[in-house]
Amino acid sequence: MPNILLTRIDNRLIHGQVATQWNNYVGSNLILVANDKVAADKMRQGLMDMAAPNGVDTRYFTLEKTINVIHKAADRQKIFIICETPQDVLTLVEGGVPIKKVNIGNMHMSEGKRQVVGVVSVDDADVEAFRKLRELGVELEIQKVPGEPKENIEKLFQ
């Protein structure tokens, strides 16, 4: 079984906060961005590589590739998965990726979304994906950075 330390939803993917605070907190040695667009965008990958901590490997896989190869991960790989949306996480879970817990970080406000807390905005499709994840036994938490208190997860469903 792959050693997945944390899965985070953050529409910025790898950036300073993820690279420093979250990666230090979980102690991963591999950041896996599971995102179909970024998997094909070498320029974005290069920018994210610059933000990644020294000594931490990065991988940029499509959702399908993540589902197909995650079970081949070596025990020594301490994996931190980052996805852009709850729908992406749901695709991974339904595809057999053993995600037990999801940290919900930045989900920017955009047309059709409503702000739940701070930097988390959702639409009906997001809420439905979170409901399905919870039904599948995935623990959900909203927390911007490790040192801050967690938000009440029920705010997602109001």
N, C-alpha and C. Protein backbone atom coordinates (compact mmCIF):
# COMPACT_ATOMS: atom_id res chain seq x y z
N MET A 1 0.85 -1.19 0.00
CA MET A 1 0.00 0.00 0.00
C MET A 1 0.89 1.24 0.00
N PRO A 2 0.55 2.24 -0.84
CA PRO A 2 1.36 3.45 -0.88
C PRO A 2 1.28 4.22 0.44
N ASN A 3 2.38 4.87 0.78
CA ASN A 3 2.48 5.62 2.02
C ASN A 3 2.04 7.07 1.77
N ILE A 4 0.71 7.29 1.72
CA ILE A 4 0.16 8.62 1.49
C ILE A 4 -0.01 9.31 2.84
N LEU A 5 0.79 10.35 3.06
CA LEU A 5 0.76 11.06 4.34
C LEU A 5 -0.39 12.06 4.41
N LEU A 6 -0.68 12.70 3.29
CA LEU A 6 -1.73 13.72 3.26
C LEU A 6 -2.16 13.95 1.82
N THR A 7 -3.44 14.20 1.64
CA THR A 7 -3.96 14.67 0.36
C THR A 7 -4.58 16.03 0.63
N ARG A 8 -4.21 17.01 -0.17
CA ARG A 8 -4.68 18.39 0.03
C ARG A 8 -5.33 18.89 -1.26
N ILE A 9 -6.43 19.61 -1.08
CA ILE A 9 -7.04 20.33 -2.19
C ILE A 9 -6.58 21.77 -2.08
N ASP A 10 -5.91 22.22 -3.12
CA ASP A 10 -5.42 23.61 -3.15
C ASP A 10 -5.31 24.00 -4.61
N ASN A 11 -6.14 24.94 -5.06
CA ASN A 11 -6.14 25.24 -6.48
C ASN A 11 -4.87 25.92 -6.95
N ARG A 12 -3.98 26.26 -6.03
CA ARG A 12 -2.68 26.81 -6.43
C ARG A 12 -1.65 25.68 -6.60
N LEU A 13 -2.00 24.47 -6.17
CA LEU A 13 -1.14 23.29 -6.26
C LEU A 13 0.14 23.53 -5.45
N ILE A 14 1.32 23.44 -6.03
CA ILE A 14 2.55 23.66 -5.25
C ILE A 14 2.86 25.15 -5.24
N HIS A 15 3.00 25.70 -4.07
CA HIS A 15 3.37 27.11 -3.88
C HIS A 15 4.07 27.21 -2.53
N GLY A 16 4.45 28.38 -2.12
CA GLY A 16 5.24 28.56 -0.91
C GLY A 16 4.66 27.92 0.34
N GLN A 17 3.37 28.13 0.58
CA GLN A 17 2.71 27.59 1.78
C GLN A 17 2.75 26.06 1.79
N VAL A 18 2.47 25.46 0.67
CA VAL A 18 2.50 24.00 0.57
C VAL A 18 3.93 23.50 0.72
N ALA A 19 4.85 24.16 0.02
CA ALA A 19 6.23 23.71 0.00
C ALA A 19 6.90 23.80 1.37
N THR A 20 6.60 24.85 2.09
CA THR A 20 7.29 25.02 3.36
C THR A 20 6.47 24.46 4.53
N GLN A 21 5.35 25.06 4.82
CA GLN A 21 4.60 24.68 6.01
C GLN A 21 4.00 23.28 5.94
N TRP A 22 3.25 22.98 4.89
CA TRP A 22 2.58 21.68 4.83
C TRP A 22 3.57 20.54 4.64
N ASN A 23 4.52 20.71 3.74
CA ASN A 23 5.46 19.63 3.51
C ASN A 23 6.31 19.36 4.76
N ASN A 24 6.74 20.42 5.44
CA ASN A 24 7.49 20.22 6.69
C ASN A 24 6.64 19.52 7.74
N TYR A 25 5.37 19.88 7.81
CA TYR A 25 4.44 19.31 8.79
C TYR A 25 4.24 17.81 8.58
N VAL A 26 4.06 17.39 7.33
CA VAL A 26 3.80 15.97 7.08
C VAL A 26 5.07 15.16 6.87
N GLY A 27 6.16 15.82 6.51
CA GLY A 27 7.43 15.11 6.33
C GLY A 27 7.51 14.25 5.08
N SER A 28 6.92 14.71 3.99
CA SER A 28 6.96 13.92 2.76
C SER A 28 8.29 14.09 2.05
N ASN A 29 8.62 13.10 1.22
CA ASN A 29 9.78 13.23 0.35
C ASN A 29 9.37 13.19 -1.13
N LEU A 30 8.04 13.17 -1.35
CA LEU A 30 7.51 13.20 -2.71
C LEU A 30 6.20 13.98 -2.71
N ILE A 31 6.16 15.03 -3.51
CA ILE A 31 4.92 15.77 -3.73
C ILE A 31 4.38 15.34 -5.08
N LEU A 32 3.18 14.77 -5.06
CA LEU A 32 2.53 14.29 -6.29
C LEU A 32 1.36 15.20 -6.60
N VAL A 33 1.47 15.94 -7.71
CA VAL A 33 0.37 16.76 -8.19
C VAL A 33 -0.44 15.90 -9.15
N ALA A 34 -1.66 15.59 -8.77
CA ALA A 34 -2.56 14.80 -9.61
C ALA A 34 -3.51 15.77 -10.30
N ASN A 35 -3.18 16.09 -11.56
CA ASN A 35 -3.94 17.10 -12.29
C ASN A 35 -3.72 16.91 -13.78
N ASP A 36 -4.78 16.72 -14.52
CA ASP A 36 -4.67 16.44 -15.95
C ASP A 36 -4.01 17.58 -16.73
N LYS A 37 -4.35 18.82 -16.43
CA LYS A 37 -3.78 19.95 -17.17
C LYS A 37 -2.29 20.12 -16.87
N VAL A 38 -1.93 20.08 -15.61
CA VAL A 38 -0.54 20.31 -15.22
C VAL A 38 0.36 19.17 -15.71
N ALA A 39 -0.18 17.97 -15.80
CA ALA A 39 0.61 16.83 -16.28
C ALA A 39 1.12 17.07 -17.70
N ALA A 40 0.44 17.93 -18.45
CA ALA A 40 0.84 18.21 -19.83
C ALA A 40 1.48 19.59 -20.00
N ASP A 41 1.71 20.30 -18.89
CA ASP A 41 2.20 21.68 -18.97
C ASP A 41 3.58 21.78 -18.31
N LYS A 42 4.62 21.62 -19.12
CA LYS A 42 6.00 21.62 -18.61
C LYS A 42 6.37 22.97 -17.98
N MET A 43 5.82 24.05 -18.50
CA MET A 43 6.16 25.36 -17.93
C MET A 43 5.62 25.48 -16.50
N ARG A 44 4.37 25.11 -16.29
CA ARG A 44 3.81 25.16 -14.93
C ARG A 44 4.57 24.21 -14.00
N GLN A 45 4.93 23.04 -14.51
CA GLN A 45 5.71 22.10 -13.70
C GLN A 45 7.03 22.73 -13.27
N GLY A 46 7.69 23.40 -14.19
CA GLY A 46 8.96 24.05 -13.87
C GLY A 46 8.80 25.12 -12.81
N LEU A 47 7.74 25.90 -12.90
CA LEU A 47 7.49 26.93 -11.89
C LEU A 47 7.23 26.29 -10.52
N MET A 48 6.45 25.21 -10.51
CA MET A 48 6.16 24.54 -9.24
C MET A 48 7.41 23.87 -8.69
N ASP A 49 8.24 23.35 -9.56
CA ASP A 49 9.50 22.74 -9.09
C ASP A 49 10.35 23.76 -8.35
N MET A 50 10.31 25.02 -8.80
CA MET A 50 11.09 26.06 -8.12
C MET A 50 10.57 26.32 -6.71
N ALA A 51 9.27 26.11 -6.49
CA ALA A 51 8.69 26.33 -5.17
C ALA A 51 8.85 25.11 -4.26
N ALA A 52 9.11 23.94 -4.84
CA ALA A 52 9.22 22.72 -4.05
C ALA A 52 10.47 22.77 -3.16
N PRO A 53 10.37 22.18 -1.98
CA PRO A 53 11.53 22.19 -1.07
C PRO A 53 12.68 21.34 -1.63
N ASN A 54 13.90 21.74 -1.28
CA ASN A 54 15.08 20.96 -1.65
C ASN A 54 14.98 19.57 -1.05
N GLY A 55 15.37 18.58 -1.83
CA GLY A 55 15.37 17.21 -1.33
C GLY A 55 14.03 16.51 -1.43
N VAL A 56 13.03 17.19 -1.96
CA VAL A 56 11.70 16.60 -2.11
C VAL A 56 11.43 16.44 -3.61
N ASP A 57 11.16 15.21 -4.02
CA ASP A 57 10.85 14.95 -5.42
C ASP A 57 9.45 15.43 -5.76
N THR A 58 9.24 15.76 -7.02
CA THR A 58 7.91 16.14 -7.49
C THR A 58 7.53 15.24 -8.67
N ARG A 59 6.26 14.96 -8.76
CA ARG A 59 5.71 14.23 -9.90
C ARG A 59 4.43 14.94 -10.31
N TYR A 60 4.17 14.95 -11.60
CA TYR A 60 2.99 15.59 -12.15
C TYR A 60 2.29 14.55 -13.02
N PHE A 61 1.27 13.93 -12.46
CA PHE A 61 0.57 12.84 -13.13
C PHE A 61 -0.87 13.23 -13.44
N THR A 62 -1.40 12.68 -14.52
CA THR A 62 -2.83 12.79 -14.75
C THR A 62 -3.54 11.98 -13.66
N LEU A 63 -4.84 12.20 -13.54
CA LEU A 63 -5.60 11.42 -12.56
C LEU A 63 -5.51 9.93 -12.90
N GLU A 64 -5.65 9.61 -14.18
CA GLU A 64 -5.60 8.21 -14.59
C GLU A 64 -4.25 7.56 -14.28
N LYS A 65 -3.17 8.29 -14.57
CA LYS A 65 -1.84 7.73 -14.28
C LYS A 65 -1.66 7.54 -12.78
N THR A 66 -2.15 8.48 -11.99
CA THR A 66 -2.05 8.36 -10.53
C THR A 66 -2.75 7.08 -10.08
N ILE A 67 -3.95 6.86 -10.57
CA ILE A 67 -4.71 5.66 -10.22
C ILE A 67 -3.94 4.41 -10.64
N ASN A 68 -3.33 4.44 -11.81
CA ASN A 68 -2.66 3.26 -12.35
C ASN A 68 -1.32 2.95 -11.70
N VAL A 69 -0.61 3.96 -11.18
CA VAL A 69 0.75 3.70 -10.68
C VAL A 69 0.93 3.87 -9.17
N ILE A 70 -0.03 4.44 -8.47
CA ILE A 70 0.17 4.73 -7.04
C ILE A 70 0.48 3.47 -6.23
N HIS A 71 -0.07 2.36 -6.63
CA HIS A 71 0.16 1.13 -5.87
C HIS A 71 1.54 0.54 -6.11
N LYS A 72 2.29 1.11 -7.06
CA LYS A 72 3.66 0.66 -7.32
C LYS A 72 4.67 1.49 -6.52
N ALA A 73 4.20 2.46 -5.75
CA ALA A 73 5.10 3.33 -4.98
C ALA A 73 5.90 2.50 -3.99
N ALA A 74 7.16 2.86 -3.85
CA ALA A 74 8.03 2.19 -2.89
C ALA A 74 7.67 2.61 -1.47
N ASP A 75 7.90 1.73 -0.52
CA ASP A 75 7.61 2.03 0.89
C ASP A 75 8.34 3.28 1.36
N ARG A 76 9.53 3.53 0.82
CA ARG A 76 10.33 4.68 1.26
C ARG A 76 9.74 6.01 0.80
N GLN A 77 8.82 5.95 -0.16
CA GLN A 77 8.21 7.18 -0.66
C GLN A 77 7.11 7.63 0.30
N LYS A 78 7.31 8.79 0.88
CA LYS A 78 6.32 9.40 1.77
C LYS A 78 5.61 10.46 0.94
N ILE A 79 4.38 10.13 0.55
CA ILE A 79 3.70 10.86 -0.51
C ILE A 79 2.71 11.91 0.03
N PHE A 80 2.81 13.09 -0.54
CA PHE A 80 1.91 14.21 -0.28
C PHE A 80 1.22 14.48 -1.63
N ILE A 81 -0.07 14.16 -1.71
CA ILE A 81 -0.82 14.37 -2.95
C ILE A 81 -1.51 15.72 -2.90
N ILE A 82 -1.41 16.45 -4.00
CA ILE A 82 -2.11 17.74 -4.11
C ILE A 82 -3.01 17.69 -5.33
N CYS A 83 -4.28 18.04 -5.13
CA CYS A 83 -5.26 18.11 -6.20
C CYS A 83 -5.85 19.51 -6.25
N GLU A 84 -6.42 19.82 -7.39
CA GLU A 84 -7.01 21.14 -7.57
C GLU A 84 -8.44 21.22 -7.06
N THR A 85 -9.20 20.13 -7.20
CA THR A 85 -10.63 20.17 -6.88
C THR A 85 -11.06 18.93 -6.10
N PRO A 86 -12.19 19.03 -5.41
CA PRO A 86 -12.71 17.83 -4.74
C PRO A 86 -13.12 16.75 -5.74
N GLN A 87 -13.53 17.16 -6.94
CA GLN A 87 -13.89 16.18 -7.97
C GLN A 87 -12.67 15.34 -8.35
N ASP A 88 -11.49 15.96 -8.41
CA ASP A 88 -10.27 15.21 -8.71
C ASP A 88 -9.97 14.19 -7.61
N VAL A 89 -10.13 14.59 -6.37
CA VAL A 89 -9.90 13.66 -5.26
C VAL A 89 -10.90 12.51 -5.32
N LEU A 90 -12.16 12.83 -5.60
CA LEU A 90 -13.18 11.79 -5.71
C LEU A 90 -12.83 10.80 -6.82
N THR A 91 -12.36 11.29 -7.95
CA THR A 91 -11.94 10.42 -9.05
C THR A 91 -10.84 9.47 -8.57
N LEU A 92 -9.87 9.99 -7.83
CA LEU A 92 -8.79 9.15 -7.32
C LEU A 92 -9.32 8.08 -6.36
N VAL A 93 -10.16 8.49 -5.42
CA VAL A 93 -10.70 7.55 -4.43
C VAL A 93 -11.53 6.48 -5.12
N GLU A 94 -12.41 6.89 -6.03
CA GLU A 94 -13.23 5.91 -6.75
C GLU A 94 -12.38 5.01 -7.64
N GLY A 95 -11.19 5.49 -8.03
CA GLY A 95 -10.27 4.70 -8.83
C GLY A 95 -9.38 3.78 -8.02
N GLY A 96 -9.55 3.80 -6.70
CA GLY A 96 -8.80 2.87 -5.86
C GLY A 96 -7.60 3.45 -5.14
N VAL A 97 -7.36 4.75 -5.24
CA VAL A 97 -6.26 5.36 -4.50
C VAL A 97 -6.67 5.40 -3.02
N PRO A 98 -5.85 4.83 -2.13
CA PRO A 98 -6.25 4.71 -0.72
C PRO A 98 -6.08 6.01 0.07
N ILE A 99 -6.94 6.97 -0.21
CA ILE A 99 -6.92 8.26 0.48
C ILE A 99 -7.88 8.16 1.66
N LYS A 100 -7.35 8.39 2.86
CA LYS A 100 -8.16 8.29 4.08
C LYS A 100 -8.59 9.65 4.60
N LYS A 101 -7.78 10.69 4.28
CA LYS A 101 -8.03 12.01 4.84
C LYS A 101 -7.71 13.06 3.78
N VAL A 102 -8.55 14.09 3.71
CA VAL A 102 -8.34 15.20 2.78
C VAL A 102 -8.33 16.50 3.54
N ASN A 103 -7.26 17.25 3.33
CA ASN A 103 -7.13 18.58 3.88
C ASN A 103 -7.60 19.55 2.80
N ILE A 104 -8.55 20.39 3.15
CA ILE A 104 -9.11 21.36 2.21
C ILE A 104 -8.47 22.70 2.47
N GLY A 105 -7.73 23.17 1.48
CA GLY A 105 -7.04 24.46 1.58
C GLY A 105 -7.73 25.46 0.68
N ASN A 106 -6.95 26.11 -0.16
CA ASN A 106 -7.50 27.14 -1.02
C ASN A 106 -8.42 26.60 -2.11
N MET A 107 -9.62 27.13 -2.15
CA MET A 107 -10.55 26.93 -3.25
C MET A 107 -11.10 28.32 -3.54
N HIS A 108 -10.48 28.99 -4.51
CA HIS A 108 -10.78 30.40 -4.77
C HIS A 108 -12.23 30.64 -5.17
N MET A 109 -12.67 31.84 -4.85
CA MET A 109 -13.98 32.32 -5.25
C MET A 109 -13.99 32.52 -6.76
N SER A 110 -15.06 32.07 -7.38
CA SER A 110 -15.28 32.34 -8.81
C SER A 110 -16.78 32.34 -9.04
N GLU A 111 -17.17 32.63 -10.26
CA GLU A 111 -18.59 32.74 -10.57
C GLU A 111 -19.32 31.45 -10.22
N GLY A 112 -20.44 31.59 -9.50
CA GLY A 112 -21.24 30.43 -9.13
C GLY A 112 -20.83 29.78 -7.81
N LYS A 113 -19.77 30.29 -7.19
CA LYS A 113 -19.31 29.73 -5.92
C LYS A 113 -19.72 30.63 -4.77
N ARG A 114 -19.83 30.03 -3.60
CA ARG A 114 -20.12 30.79 -2.38
C ARG A 114 -19.01 30.51 -1.36
N GLN A 115 -18.67 31.55 -0.63
CA GLN A 115 -17.60 31.42 0.35
C GLN A 115 -18.11 30.65 1.57
N VAL A 116 -17.36 29.62 1.95
CA VAL A 116 -17.71 28.81 3.12
C VAL A 116 -16.96 29.33 4.33
N VAL A 117 -15.66 29.40 4.22
CA VAL A 117 -14.79 29.98 5.24
C VAL A 117 -13.58 30.57 4.54
N GLY A 118 -13.03 31.63 5.08
CA GLY A 118 -11.78 32.20 4.59
C GLY A 118 -11.54 32.02 3.10
N VAL A 119 -10.63 31.11 2.77
CA VAL A 119 -10.21 30.93 1.39
C VAL A 119 -10.86 29.72 0.72
N VAL A 120 -11.96 29.25 1.27
CA VAL A 120 -12.65 28.09 0.69
C VAL A 120 -14.03 28.52 0.18
N SER A 121 -14.18 28.42 -1.14
CA SER A 121 -15.45 28.72 -1.80
C SER A 121 -15.86 27.50 -2.60
N VAL A 122 -17.16 27.19 -2.57
CA VAL A 122 -17.65 25.97 -3.21
C VAL A 122 -18.89 26.26 -4.05
N ASP A 123 -19.14 25.37 -5.00
CA ASP A 123 -20.40 25.37 -5.72
C ASP A 123 -21.08 24.04 -5.42
N ASP A 124 -22.24 23.81 -6.01
CA ASP A 124 -22.99 22.59 -5.71
C ASP A 124 -22.23 21.33 -6.10
N ALA A 125 -21.48 21.37 -7.20
CA ALA A 125 -20.70 20.20 -7.63
C ALA A 125 -19.61 19.87 -6.62
N ASP A 126 -18.98 20.91 -6.04
CA ASP A 126 -17.97 20.69 -5.01
C ASP A 126 -18.59 20.03 -3.79
N VAL A 127 -19.73 20.55 -3.35
CA VAL A 127 -20.41 20.02 -2.17
C VAL A 127 -20.80 18.56 -2.40
N GLU A 128 -21.29 18.25 -3.59
CA GLU A 128 -21.67 16.87 -3.90
C GLU A 128 -20.44 15.95 -3.85
N ALA A 129 -19.31 16.42 -4.37
CA ALA A 129 -18.08 15.61 -4.33
C ALA A 129 -17.65 15.39 -2.88
N PHE A 130 -17.75 16.43 -2.05
CA PHE A 130 -17.40 16.27 -0.63
C PHE A 130 -18.34 15.28 0.06
N ARG A 131 -19.64 15.34 -0.25
CA ARG A 131 -20.60 14.38 0.32
C ARG A 131 -20.22 12.95 -0.04
N LYS A 132 -19.90 12.74 -1.31
CA LYS A 132 -19.53 11.39 -1.76
C LYS A 132 -18.24 10.93 -1.09
N LEU A 133 -17.28 11.81 -0.96
CA LEU A 133 -16.03 11.44 -0.28
C LEU A 133 -16.32 11.02 1.16
N ARG A 134 -17.16 11.80 1.83
CA ARG A 134 -17.50 11.47 3.21
C ARG A 134 -18.23 10.13 3.29
N GLU A 135 -19.14 9.88 2.35
CA GLU A 135 -19.86 8.60 2.30
C GLU A 135 -18.90 7.43 2.08
N LEU A 136 -17.80 7.70 1.38
CA LEU A 136 -16.80 6.66 1.12
C LEU A 136 -15.82 6.49 2.29
N GLY A 137 -16.07 7.23 3.37
CA GLY A 137 -15.25 7.08 4.57
C GLY A 137 -14.01 7.95 4.62
N VAL A 138 -13.93 8.94 3.73
CA VAL A 138 -12.78 9.83 3.73
C VAL A 138 -13.02 10.94 4.75
N GLU A 139 -12.05 11.14 5.63
CA GLU A 139 -12.13 12.22 6.63
C GLU A 139 -11.81 13.54 5.94
N LEU A 140 -12.63 14.55 6.20
CA LEU A 140 -12.42 15.87 5.61
C LEU A 140 -12.06 16.87 6.70
N GLU A 141 -11.13 17.78 6.37
CA GLU A 141 -10.79 18.86 7.30
C GLU A 141 -10.48 20.11 6.49
N ILE A 142 -10.87 21.25 7.05
CA ILE A 142 -10.54 22.54 6.44
C ILE A 142 -9.49 23.18 7.34
N GLN A 143 -8.32 23.42 6.77
CA GLN A 143 -7.25 24.05 7.55
C GLN A 143 -6.28 24.71 6.57
N LYS A 144 -6.11 26.02 6.72
CA LYS A 144 -5.26 26.77 5.79
C LYS A 144 -3.79 26.39 5.96
N VAL A 145 -3.30 26.44 7.17
CA VAL A 145 -1.91 26.08 7.47
C VAL A 145 -1.89 25.25 8.75
N PRO A 146 -0.84 24.45 8.96
CA PRO A 146 -0.82 23.53 10.10
C PRO A 146 -0.99 24.19 11.47
N GLY A 147 -0.50 25.40 11.66
CA GLY A 147 -0.58 26.03 12.98
C GLY A 147 -1.93 26.63 13.32
N GLU A 148 -2.80 26.76 12.35
CA GLU A 148 -4.11 27.37 12.60
C GLU A 148 -5.12 26.31 12.98
N PRO A 149 -6.16 26.70 13.73
CA PRO A 149 -7.19 25.72 14.08
C PRO A 149 -7.97 25.27 12.84
N LYS A 150 -8.50 24.07 12.91
CA LYS A 150 -9.33 23.55 11.82
C LYS A 150 -10.70 24.21 11.90
N GLU A 151 -11.30 24.41 10.73
CA GLU A 151 -12.64 24.98 10.65
C GLU A 151 -13.67 23.86 10.80
N ASN A 152 -14.89 24.23 11.13
CA ASN A 152 -15.98 23.27 11.23
C ASN A 152 -16.33 22.77 9.84
N ILE A 153 -16.13 21.49 9.61
CA ILE A 153 -16.34 20.90 8.29
C ILE A 153 -17.81 20.98 7.85
N GLU A 154 -18.72 21.08 8.79
CA GLU A 154 -20.14 21.15 8.45
C GLU A 154 -20.48 22.42 7.68
N LYS A 155 -19.63 23.42 7.75
CA LYS A 155 -19.86 24.66 6.99
C LYS A 155 -19.92 24.39 5.49
N LEU A 156 -19.25 23.32 5.05
CA LEU A 156 -19.29 22.96 3.63
C LEU A 156 -20.70 22.62 3.17
N PHE A 157 -21.47 22.04 4.07
CA PHE A 157 -22.76 21.44 3.70
C PHE A 157 -23.96 22.32 4.02
N GLN A 158 -23.73 23.54 4.47
CA GLN A 158 -24.82 24.44 4.82
C GLN A 158 -25.32 25.20 3.62
